[in-house]
Amino acid sequence: MSGSHTHPLYLEGASPVHRLPAEVKILAAFVGVFAIVATPREAVWAFALYLAILVVVWCIAGIGLRWLAPRMLIELPFVVLAVLLPFAESGDRITVVGLSLSVPGLLAAWNILVKGTLGVLVSLTLAATTPVRALPAGLSRLHVPDIVVTVVTLMLRYVNILAGEIDRMRTARIARGDDPRTLHQVGATARGVGGVFLRAYERGERVHLAMASRGFTGTVPLSSAPAGRVDWCVGLAPTVCAVAIATTAWMV
């Protein structure tokens, strides 16, 4: 995978967070999200502490709210679901500003919003500080199966190419008078998706043959040095704090 292909979620920088090996950041993000999800929804103070840990990491890595805010829109469908829950759920109800809201629905909405938002923020932090080309090596060092690493590597390499093809096909259809917003164009859209799928399948076969002819054995070569003891201690420090917070929240 060429190092010249930079993912749009990656934020160029030379901070200590950027310099950490990928396997450290992947494990830290995974365990951190697990700790957030496992935290009782009633422990509001715990979620505030999680956010404080993230703010410290952002300050060190040079990640600003202006960069994070537009990328948080991926969470919008979950926000819509959370807003509807207090009106749709049954159970005890309270009146807020003249609206009758379900207490279980409010708790469920809070649970979705806070955990989903923190999970997305952790993922964005990982993406902003980890180059795409470093992810396969990090996954390999975490003993992820080779076939999974290979699939992830090729997906990261070719997803932008496929997205570009879809955009060019859409532009060509509009140039020929097509209106993709109308319902009667569903068939044409479906045929376009099928065409992209066939192209992706054929390209995958050609890429596999080309890689096999060059001696590819199913293992992604590791091009960087593994993480040292200091890297693990420094990189996992926020995660250890998150696990301690989650444990304390259950004990309290």
C-alpha atoms as a PDB file:
ATOM      1  CA  MET A   1       0.000   0.000   0.000  1.00  0.00           C
ATOM      2  CA  SER A   2       1.497   3.271  -1.036  1.00  0.00           C
ATOM      3  CA  GLY A   3       2.404   5.685   1.649  1.00  0.00           C
ATOM      4  CA  SER A   4       1.263   8.582  -0.486  1.00  0.00           C
ATOM      5  CA  HIS A   5      -2.395   7.773   0.052  1.00  0.00           C
ATOM      6  CA  THR A   6      -3.508   9.728   3.103  1.00  0.00           C
ATOM      7  CA  HIS A   7      -6.888   9.104   4.657  1.00  0.00           C
ATOM      8  CA  PRO A   8      -9.055  12.236   5.001  1.00  0.00           C
ATOM      9  CA  LEU A   9      -9.515  11.510   8.717  1.00  0.00           C
ATOM     10  CA  TYR A  10      -5.769  11.620   9.376  1.00  0.00           C
ATOM     11  CA  LEU A  11      -4.475  14.890  10.825  1.00  0.00           C
ATOM     12  CA  GLU A  12      -0.829  15.546  10.024  1.00  0.00           C
ATOM     13  CA  GLY A  13       1.277  16.124  13.116  1.00  0.00           C
ATOM     14  CA  ALA A  14       4.440  15.229  15.006  1.00  0.00           C
ATOM     15  CA  SER A  15       3.050  15.042  18.533  1.00  0.00           C
ATOM     16  CA  PRO A  16       3.913  12.265  21.015  1.00  0.00           C
ATOM     17  CA  VAL A  17       0.509  10.730  20.280  1.00  0.00           C
ATOM     18  CA  HIS A  18       1.259  10.640  16.551  1.00  0.00           C
ATOM     19  CA  ARG A  19       4.628   8.982  17.211  1.00  0.00           C
ATOM     20  CA  LEU A  20       3.173   6.134  19.264  1.00  0.00           C
ATOM     21  CA  PRO A  21       3.158   2.765  17.426  1.00  0.00           C
ATOM     22  CA  ALA A  22      -0.165   1.875  15.849  1.00  0.00           C
ATOM     23  CA  GLU A  23      -0.692  -1.290  17.912  1.00  0.00           C
ATOM     24  CA  VAL A  24      -0.559   0.716  21.137  1.00  0.00           C
ATOM     25  CA  LYS A  25      -3.202   3.187  19.954  1.00  0.00           C
ATOM     26  CA  ILE A  26      -5.464   0.474  18.520  1.00  0.00           C
ATOM     27  CA  LEU A  27      -5.455  -1.488  21.785  1.00  0.00           C
ATOM     28  CA  ALA A  28      -5.890   1.691  23.846  1.00  0.00           C
ATOM     29  CA  ALA A  29      -8.893   2.777  21.753  1.00  0.00           C
ATOM     30  CA  PHE A  30     -10.510  -0.679  21.849  1.00  0.00           C
ATOM     31  CA  VAL A  31     -10.200  -1.107  25.610  1.00  0.00           C
ATOM     32  CA  GLY A  32     -11.191   2.534  26.188  1.00  0.00           C
ATOM     33  CA  VAL A  33     -14.416   2.163  24.204  1.00  0.00           C
ATOM     34  CA  PHE A  34     -15.168  -1.095  26.029  1.00  0.00           C
ATOM     35  CA  ALA A  35     -14.751   0.709  29.377  1.00  0.00           C
ATOM     36  CA  ILE A  36     -17.084   3.497  28.250  1.00  0.00           C
ATOM     37  CA  VAL A  37     -19.769   1.064  27.080  1.00  0.00           C
ATOM     38  CA  ALA A  38     -19.500  -0.962  30.305  1.00  0.00           C
ATOM     39  CA  THR A  39     -20.026   2.099  32.510  1.00  0.00           C
ATOM     40  CA  PRO A  40     -23.474   2.368  34.180  1.00  0.00           C
ATOM     41  CA  ARG A  41     -25.529   5.082  32.535  1.00  0.00           C
ATOM     42  CA  GLU A  42     -26.344   6.641  35.924  1.00  0.00           C
ATOM     43  CA  ALA A  43     -22.650   7.460  36.572  1.00  0.00           C
ATOM     44  CA  VAL A  44     -22.661  10.905  34.962  1.00  0.00           C
ATOM     45  CA  TRP A  45     -19.401  11.853  36.694  1.00  0.00           C
ATOM     46  CA  ALA A  46     -17.632   8.945  34.986  1.00  0.00           C
ATOM     47  CA  PHE A  47     -18.530  10.165  31.490  1.00  0.00           C
ATOM     48  CA  ALA A  48     -17.311  13.648  32.420  1.00  0.00           C
ATOM     49  CA  LEU A  49     -13.964  12.125  33.415  1.00  0.00           C
ATOM     50  CA  TYR A  50     -13.764  10.187  30.137  1.00  0.00           C
ATOM     51  CA  LEU A  51     -14.249  13.438  28.250  1.00  0.00           C
ATOM     52  CA  ALA A  52     -11.569  15.107  30.375  1.00  0.00           C
ATOM     53  CA  ILE A  53      -9.104  12.330  29.447  1.00  0.00           C
ATOM     54  CA  LEU A  54      -9.914  12.841  25.757  1.00  0.00           C
ATOM     55  CA  VAL A  55      -9.414  16.604  26.059  1.00  0.00           C
ATOM     56  CA  VAL A  56      -5.946  16.025  27.522  1.00  0.00           C
ATOM     57  CA  VAL A  57      -5.083  13.684  24.614  1.00  0.00           C
ATOM     58  CA  TRP A  58      -6.394  16.258  22.110  1.00  0.00           C
ATOM     59  CA  CYS A  59      -4.265  18.996  23.653  1.00  0.00           C
ATOM     60  CA  ILE A  60      -1.153  16.815  23.393  1.00  0.00           C
ATOM     61  CA  ALA A  61      -1.964  15.717  19.824  1.00  0.00           C
ATOM     62  CA  GLY A  62      -3.008  19.172  18.608  1.00  0.00           C
ATOM     63  CA  ILE A  63      -6.559  18.137  17.683  1.00  0.00           C
ATOM     64  CA  GLY A  64      -9.023  21.019  17.831  1.00  0.00           C
ATOM     65  CA  LEU A  65     -12.797  21.113  18.155  1.00  0.00           C
ATOM     66  CA  ARG A  66     -13.006  22.793  14.752  1.00  0.00           C
ATOM     67  CA  TRP A  67     -11.541  19.625  13.215  1.00  0.00           C
ATOM     68  CA  LEU A  68     -13.680  17.253  15.293  1.00  0.00           C
ATOM     69  CA  ALA A  69     -17.063  18.968  14.986  1.00  0.00           C
ATOM     70  CA  PRO A  70     -17.865  18.355  11.282  1.00  0.00           C
ATOM     71  CA  ARG A  71     -16.693  14.747  11.530  1.00  0.00           C
ATOM     72  CA  MET A  72     -19.077  14.112  14.396  1.00  0.00           C
ATOM     73  CA  LEU A  73     -21.999  14.297  11.938  1.00  0.00           C
ATOM     74  CA  ILE A  74     -21.584  10.554  11.390  1.00  0.00           C
ATOM     75  CA  GLU A  75     -23.376  10.176  14.719  1.00  0.00           C
ATOM     76  CA  LEU A  76     -26.486  12.013  13.507  1.00  0.00           C
ATOM     77  CA  PRO A  77     -28.719   8.892  12.963  1.00  0.00           C
ATOM     78  CA  PHE A  78     -28.126   7.818  16.579  1.00  0.00           C
ATOM     79  CA  VAL A  79     -28.957  11.326  17.785  1.00  0.00           C
ATOM     80  CA  VAL A  80     -32.287  11.175  15.940  1.00  0.00           C
ATOM     81  CA  LEU A  81     -33.046   7.803  17.549  1.00  0.00           C
ATOM     82  CA  ALA A  82     -32.158   9.141  20.995  1.00  0.00           C
ATOM     83  CA  VAL A  83     -34.427  12.174  20.547  1.00  0.00           C
ATOM     84  CA  LEU A  84     -37.405   9.955  19.653  1.00  0.00           C
ATOM     85  CA  LEU A  85     -36.988   7.491  22.531  1.00  0.00           C
ATOM     86  CA  PRO A  86     -38.430   9.718  25.321  1.00  0.00           C
ATOM     87  CA  PHE A  87     -41.637  10.099  23.287  1.00  0.00           C
ATOM     88  CA  ALA A  88     -41.955   6.475  22.165  1.00  0.00           C
ATOM     89  CA  GLU A  89     -41.019   4.525  25.298  1.00  0.00           C
ATOM     90  CA  SER A  90     -43.589   3.457  27.874  1.00  0.00           C
ATOM     91  CA  GLY A  91     -43.300   3.490  31.667  1.00  0.00           C
ATOM     92  CA  ASP A  92     -43.263   6.321  34.184  1.00  0.00           C
ATOM     93  CA  ARG A  93     -43.565   9.751  32.622  1.00  0.00           C
ATOM     94  CA  ILE A  94     -42.568  13.281  33.591  1.00  0.00           C
ATOM     95  CA  THR A  95     -43.513  16.638  32.106  1.00  0.00           C
ATOM     96  CA  VAL A  96     -40.709  18.831  30.757  1.00  0.00           C
ATOM     97  CA  VAL A  97     -41.608  22.185  29.147  1.00  0.00           C
ATOM     98  CA  GLY A  98     -45.152  20.956  28.596  1.00  0.00           C
ATOM     99  CA  LEU A  99     -44.013  17.679  26.978  1.00  0.00           C
ATOM    100  CA  SER A 100     -44.815  14.279  28.471  1.00  0.00           C
ATOM    101  CA  LEU A 101     -41.613  12.244  28.382  1.00  0.00           C
ATOM    102  CA  SER A 102     -40.892   8.673  29.390  1.00  0.00           C
ATOM    103  CA  VAL A 103     -38.373   8.276  32.220  1.00  0.00           C
ATOM    104  CA  PRO A 104     -36.974   4.984  30.833  1.00  0.00           C
ATOM    105  CA  GLY A 105     -36.845   6.640  27.409  1.00  0.00           C
ATOM    106  CA  LEU A 106     -34.860   9.575  28.771  1.00  0.00           C
ATOM    107  CA  LEU A 107     -32.380   7.218  30.419  1.00  0.00           C
ATOM    108  CA  ALA A 108     -32.059   5.175  27.229  1.00  0.00           C
ATOM    109  CA  ALA A 109     -31.561   8.337  25.162  1.00  0.00           C
ATOM    110  CA  TRP A 110     -28.857   9.573  27.549  1.00  0.00           C
ATOM    111  CA  ASN A 111     -27.163   6.177  27.398  1.00  0.00           C
ATOM    112  CA  ILE A 112     -27.082   6.183  23.578  1.00  0.00           C
ATOM    113  CA  LEU A 113     -25.981   9.792  23.277  1.00  0.00           C
ATOM    114  CA  VAL A 114     -23.179   9.829  25.825  1.00  0.00           C
ATOM    115  CA  LYS A 115     -21.682   6.444  24.971  1.00  0.00           C
ATOM    116  CA  GLY A 116     -22.091   6.895  21.231  1.00  0.00           C
ATOM    117  CA  THR A 117     -20.554  10.368  21.307  1.00  0.00           C
ATOM    118  CA  LEU A 118     -17.570   9.283  23.401  1.00  0.00           C
ATOM    119  CA  GLY A 119     -17.079   6.203  21.228  1.00  0.00           C
ATOM    120  CA  VAL A 120     -17.036   8.305  18.055  1.00  0.00           C
ATOM    121  CA  LEU A 121     -14.612  10.761  19.676  1.00  0.00           C
ATOM    122  CA  VAL A 122     -12.242   7.943  20.616  1.00  0.00           C
ATOM    123  CA  SER A 123     -12.415   6.567  17.062  1.00  0.00           C
ATOM    124  CA  LEU A 124     -11.752   9.995  15.552  1.00  0.00           C
ATOM    125  CA  THR A 125      -8.790  10.481  17.879  1.00  0.00           C
ATOM    126  CA  LEU A 126      -7.326   7.170  16.722  1.00  0.00           C
ATOM    127  CA  ALA A 127      -7.914   8.021  13.057  1.00  0.00           C
ATOM    128  CA  ALA A 128      -6.486  11.537  13.440  1.00  0.00           C
ATOM    129  CA  THR A 129      -3.206  10.324  14.937  1.00  0.00           C
ATOM    130  CA  THR A 130      -2.608   7.054  13.059  1.00  0.00           C
ATOM    131  CA  PRO A 131      -1.620   6.898   9.363  1.00  0.00           C
ATOM    132  CA  VAL A 132      -3.577   4.356   7.347  1.00  0.00           C
ATOM    133  CA  ARG A 133      -0.378   2.649   6.209  1.00  0.00           C
ATOM    134  CA  ALA A 134       0.510   1.907   9.868  1.00  0.00           C
ATOM    135  CA  LEU A 135      -2.753   0.102  10.685  1.00  0.00           C
ATOM    136  CA  PRO A 136      -1.957  -3.291   9.038  1.00  0.00           C
ATOM    137  CA  ALA A 137       1.352  -3.582  10.910  1.00  0.00           C
ATOM    138  CA  GLY A 138      -0.357  -2.643  14.164  1.00  0.00           C
ATOM    139  CA  LEU A 139      -3.076  -5.253  13.656  1.00  0.00           C
ATOM    140  CA  SER A 140      -0.482  -7.901  12.819  1.00  0.00           C
ATOM    141  CA  ARG A 141       1.453  -7.207  16.011  1.00  0.00           C
ATOM    142  CA  LEU A 142      -1.777  -7.573  17.969  1.00  0.00           C
ATOM    143  CA  HIS A 143      -2.020 -11.104  16.492  1.00  0.00           C
ATOM    144  CA  VAL A 144      -5.091 -10.386  14.387  1.00  0.00           C
ATOM    145  CA  PRO A 145      -5.453 -13.245  11.815  1.00  0.00           C
ATOM    146  CA  ASP A 146      -3.482 -12.604   8.619  1.00  0.00           C
ATOM    147  CA  ILE A 147      -6.550 -12.922   6.381  1.00  0.00           C
ATOM    148  CA  VAL A 148      -8.319 -10.176   8.348  1.00  0.00           C
ATOM    149  CA  VAL A 149      -5.269  -7.916   8.118  1.00  0.00           C
ATOM    150  CA  THR A 150      -5.063  -8.505   4.359  1.00  0.00           C
ATOM    151  CA  VAL A 151      -8.750  -7.687   3.877  1.00  0.00           C
ATOM    152  CA  VAL A 152      -8.424  -4.502   5.952  1.00  0.00           C
ATOM    153  CA  THR A 153      -5.305  -3.478   4.020  1.00  0.00           C
ATOM    154  CA  LEU A 154      -6.954  -3.870   0.623  1.00  0.00           C
ATOM    155  CA  MET A 155     -10.162  -2.228   1.816  1.00  0.00           C
ATOM    156  CA  LEU A 156      -8.273   0.839   3.037  1.00  0.00           C
ATOM    157  CA  ARG A 157      -6.308   0.957  -0.206  1.00  0.00           C
ATOM    158  CA  TYR A 158      -9.223   0.661  -2.623  1.00  0.00           C
ATOM    159  CA  VAL A 159     -12.220   2.166  -0.837  1.00  0.00           C
ATOM    160  CA  ASN A 160     -11.321   5.646  -2.103  1.00  0.00           C
ATOM    161  CA  ILE A 161     -10.934   4.305  -5.648  1.00  0.00           C
ATOM    162  CA  LEU A 162     -14.393   2.724  -5.529  1.00  0.00           C
ATOM    163  CA  ALA A 163     -15.865   5.900  -4.050  1.00  0.00           C
ATOM    164  CA  GLY A 164     -14.316   7.840  -6.918  1.00  0.00           C
ATOM    165  CA  GLU A 165     -15.864   5.470  -9.465  1.00  0.00           C
ATOM    166  CA  ILE A 166     -19.303   5.841  -7.870  1.00  0.00           C
ATOM    167  CA  ASP A 167     -18.973   9.629  -7.945  1.00  0.00           C
ATOM    168  CA  ARG A 168     -17.930   9.606 -11.632  1.00  0.00           C
ATOM    169  CA  MET A 169     -20.850   7.338 -12.528  1.00  0.00           C
ATOM    170  CA  ARG A 170     -23.238   9.664 -10.714  1.00  0.00           C
ATOM    171  CA  THR A 171     -21.805  12.691 -12.523  1.00  0.00           C
ATOM    172  CA  ALA A 172     -22.127  10.930 -15.902  1.00  0.00           C
ATOM    173  CA  ARG A 173     -25.769  10.052 -15.214  1.00  0.00           C
ATOM    174  CA  ILE A 174     -26.634  13.607 -14.196  1.00  0.00           C
ATOM    175  CA  ALA A 175     -24.876  14.943 -17.323  1.00  0.00           C
ATOM    176  CA  ARG A 176     -27.198  12.761 -19.407  1.00  0.00           C
ATOM    177  CA  GLY A 177     -30.313  14.211 -17.803  1.00  0.00           C
ATOM    178  CA  ASP A 178     -30.812  11.744 -14.965  1.00  0.00           C
ATOM    179  CA  ASP A 179     -32.283  12.935 -11.675  1.00  0.00           C
ATOM    180  CA  PRO A 180     -31.209  10.482  -8.919  1.00  0.00           C
ATOM    181  CA  ARG A 181     -33.684  12.071  -6.492  1.00  0.00           C
ATOM    182  CA  THR A 182     -36.755  10.782  -8.344  1.00  0.00           C
ATOM    183  CA  LEU A 183     -38.266   7.436  -7.386  1.00  0.00           C
ATOM    184  CA  HIS A 184     -38.395   6.016 -10.912  1.00  0.00           C
ATOM    185  CA  GLN A 185     -34.570   6.081 -11.055  1.00  0.00           C
ATOM    186  CA  VAL A 186     -34.233   3.425  -8.326  1.00  0.00           C
ATOM    187  CA  GLY A 187     -33.670   0.745 -10.971  1.00  0.00           C
ATOM    188  CA  ALA A 188     -30.844   2.679 -12.607  1.00  0.00           C
ATOM    189  CA  THR A 189     -29.250   3.294  -9.240  1.00  0.00           C
ATOM    190  CA  ALA A 190     -29.452  -0.408  -8.387  1.00  0.00           C
ATOM    191  CA  ARG A 191     -27.848  -1.346 -11.722  1.00  0.00           C
ATOM    192  CA  GLY A 192     -25.068   1.161 -11.022  1.00  0.00           C
ATOM    193  CA  VAL A 193     -24.401  -0.406  -7.613  1.00  0.00           C
ATOM    194  CA  GLY A 194     -24.320  -3.841  -9.236  1.00  0.00           C
ATOM    195  CA  GLY A 195     -21.843  -2.598 -11.830  1.00  0.00           C
ATOM    196  CA  VAL A 196     -19.546  -1.226  -9.153  1.00  0.00           C
ATOM    197  CA  PHE A 197     -19.749  -4.534  -7.267  1.00  0.00           C
ATOM    198  CA  LEU A 198     -18.735  -6.495 -10.384  1.00  0.00           C
ATOM    199  CA  ARG A 199     -15.877  -4.098 -11.085  1.00  0.00           C
ATOM    200  CA  ALA A 200     -14.679  -4.411  -7.491  1.00  0.00           C
ATOM    201  CA  TYR A 201     -14.833  -8.226  -7.696  1.00  0.00           C
ATOM    202  CA  GLU A 202     -12.910  -8.312 -10.979  1.00  0.00           C
ATOM    203  CA  ARG A 203     -10.354  -5.821  -9.680  1.00  0.00           C
ATOM    204  CA  GLY A 204      -9.921  -7.949  -6.546  1.00  0.00           C
ATOM    205  CA  GLU A 205      -9.110 -11.000  -8.675  1.00  0.00           C
ATOM    206  CA  ARG A 206      -6.583  -9.067 -10.753  1.00  0.00           C
ATOM    207  CA  VAL A 207      -4.953  -7.573  -7.660  1.00  0.00           C
ATOM    208  CA  HIS A 208      -4.719 -11.007  -6.010  1.00  0.00           C
ATOM    209  CA  LEU A 209      -3.084 -12.528  -9.106  1.00  0.00           C
ATOM    210  CA  ALA A 210      -0.645  -9.610  -9.316  1.00  0.00           C
ATOM    211  CA  MET A 211       0.270  -9.936  -5.633  1.00  0.00           C
ATOM    212  CA  ALA A 212       0.669 -13.730  -5.891  1.00  0.00           C
ATOM    213  CA  SER A 213       2.946 -13.358  -8.933  1.00  0.00           C
ATOM    214  CA  ARG A 214       5.147 -11.058  -6.848  1.00  0.00           C
ATOM    215  CA  GLY A 215       5.525 -13.583  -4.050  1.00  0.00           C
ATOM    216  CA  PHE A 216       2.733 -12.532  -1.699  1.00  0.00           C
ATOM    217  CA  THR A 217       2.182 -15.269   0.902  1.00  0.00           C
ATOM    218  CA  GLY A 218      -0.825 -13.831   2.746  1.00  0.00           C
ATOM    219  CA  THR A 219       1.170 -11.951   5.359  1.00  0.00           C
ATOM    220  CA  VAL A 220       1.465  -8.161   5.318  1.00  0.00           C
ATOM    221  CA  PRO A 221       5.144  -7.179   5.720  1.00  0.00           C
ATOM    222  CA  LEU A 222       5.964  -5.141   8.839  1.00  0.00           C
ATOM    223  CA  SER A 223       7.771  -1.941   7.921  1.00  0.00           C
ATOM    224  CA  SER A 224       8.122  -0.320  11.347  1.00  0.00           C
ATOM    225  CA  ALA A 225       9.693  -1.204  14.667  1.00  0.00           C
ATOM    226  CA  PRO A 226       7.477  -2.804  17.325  1.00  0.00           C
ATOM    227  CA  ALA A 227       6.358  -0.861  20.378  1.00  0.00           C
ATOM    228  CA  GLY A 228       8.716  -0.767  23.333  1.00  0.00           C
ATOM    229  CA  ARG A 229       7.957  -0.913  27.023  1.00  0.00           C
ATOM    230  CA  VAL A 230       7.887   2.874  27.318  1.00  0.00           C
ATOM    231  CA  ASP A 231       5.456   3.148  24.388  1.00  0.00           C
ATOM    232  CA  TRP A 232       3.074   0.693  26.025  1.00  0.00           C
ATOM    233  CA  CYS A 233       3.242   2.422  29.406  1.00  0.00           C
ATOM    234  CA  VAL A 234       2.685   5.898  27.975  1.00  0.00           C
ATOM    235  CA  GLY A 235       0.077   4.901  25.381  1.00  0.00           C
ATOM    236  CA  LEU A 236      -2.041   2.801  27.726  1.00  0.00           C
ATOM    237  CA  ALA A 237      -2.010   5.316  30.596  1.00  0.00           C
ATOM    238  CA  PRO A 238      -5.318   6.975  29.520  1.00  0.00           C
ATOM    239  CA  THR A 239      -6.880   3.533  29.025  1.00  0.00           C
ATOM    240  CA  VAL A 240      -5.825   2.396  32.484  1.00  0.00           C
ATOM    241  CA  CYS A 241      -7.491   5.521  33.880  1.00  0.00           C
ATOM    242  CA  ALA A 242     -10.660   4.749  31.897  1.00  0.00           C
ATOM    243  CA  VAL A 243     -10.780   1.159  33.199  1.00  0.00           C
ATOM    244  CA  ALA A 244     -10.277   2.431  36.751  1.00  0.00           C
ATOM    245  CA  ILE A 245     -13.143   4.906  36.303  1.00  0.00           C
ATOM    246  CA  ALA A 246     -15.465   2.202  34.943  1.00  0.00           C
ATOM    247  CA  THR A 247     -14.577  -0.140  37.817  1.00  0.00           C
ATOM    248  CA  THR A 248     -15.149   2.597  40.389  1.00  0.00           C
ATOM    249  CA  ALA A 249     -18.502   3.475  38.791  1.00  0.00           C
ATOM    250  CA  TRP A 250     -19.727  -0.083  39.272  1.00  0.00           C
ATOM    251  CA  MET A 251     -18.418  -0.252  42.830  1.00  0.00           C
ATOM    252  CA  VAL A 252     -20.053   3.048  43.758  1.00  0.00           C
END
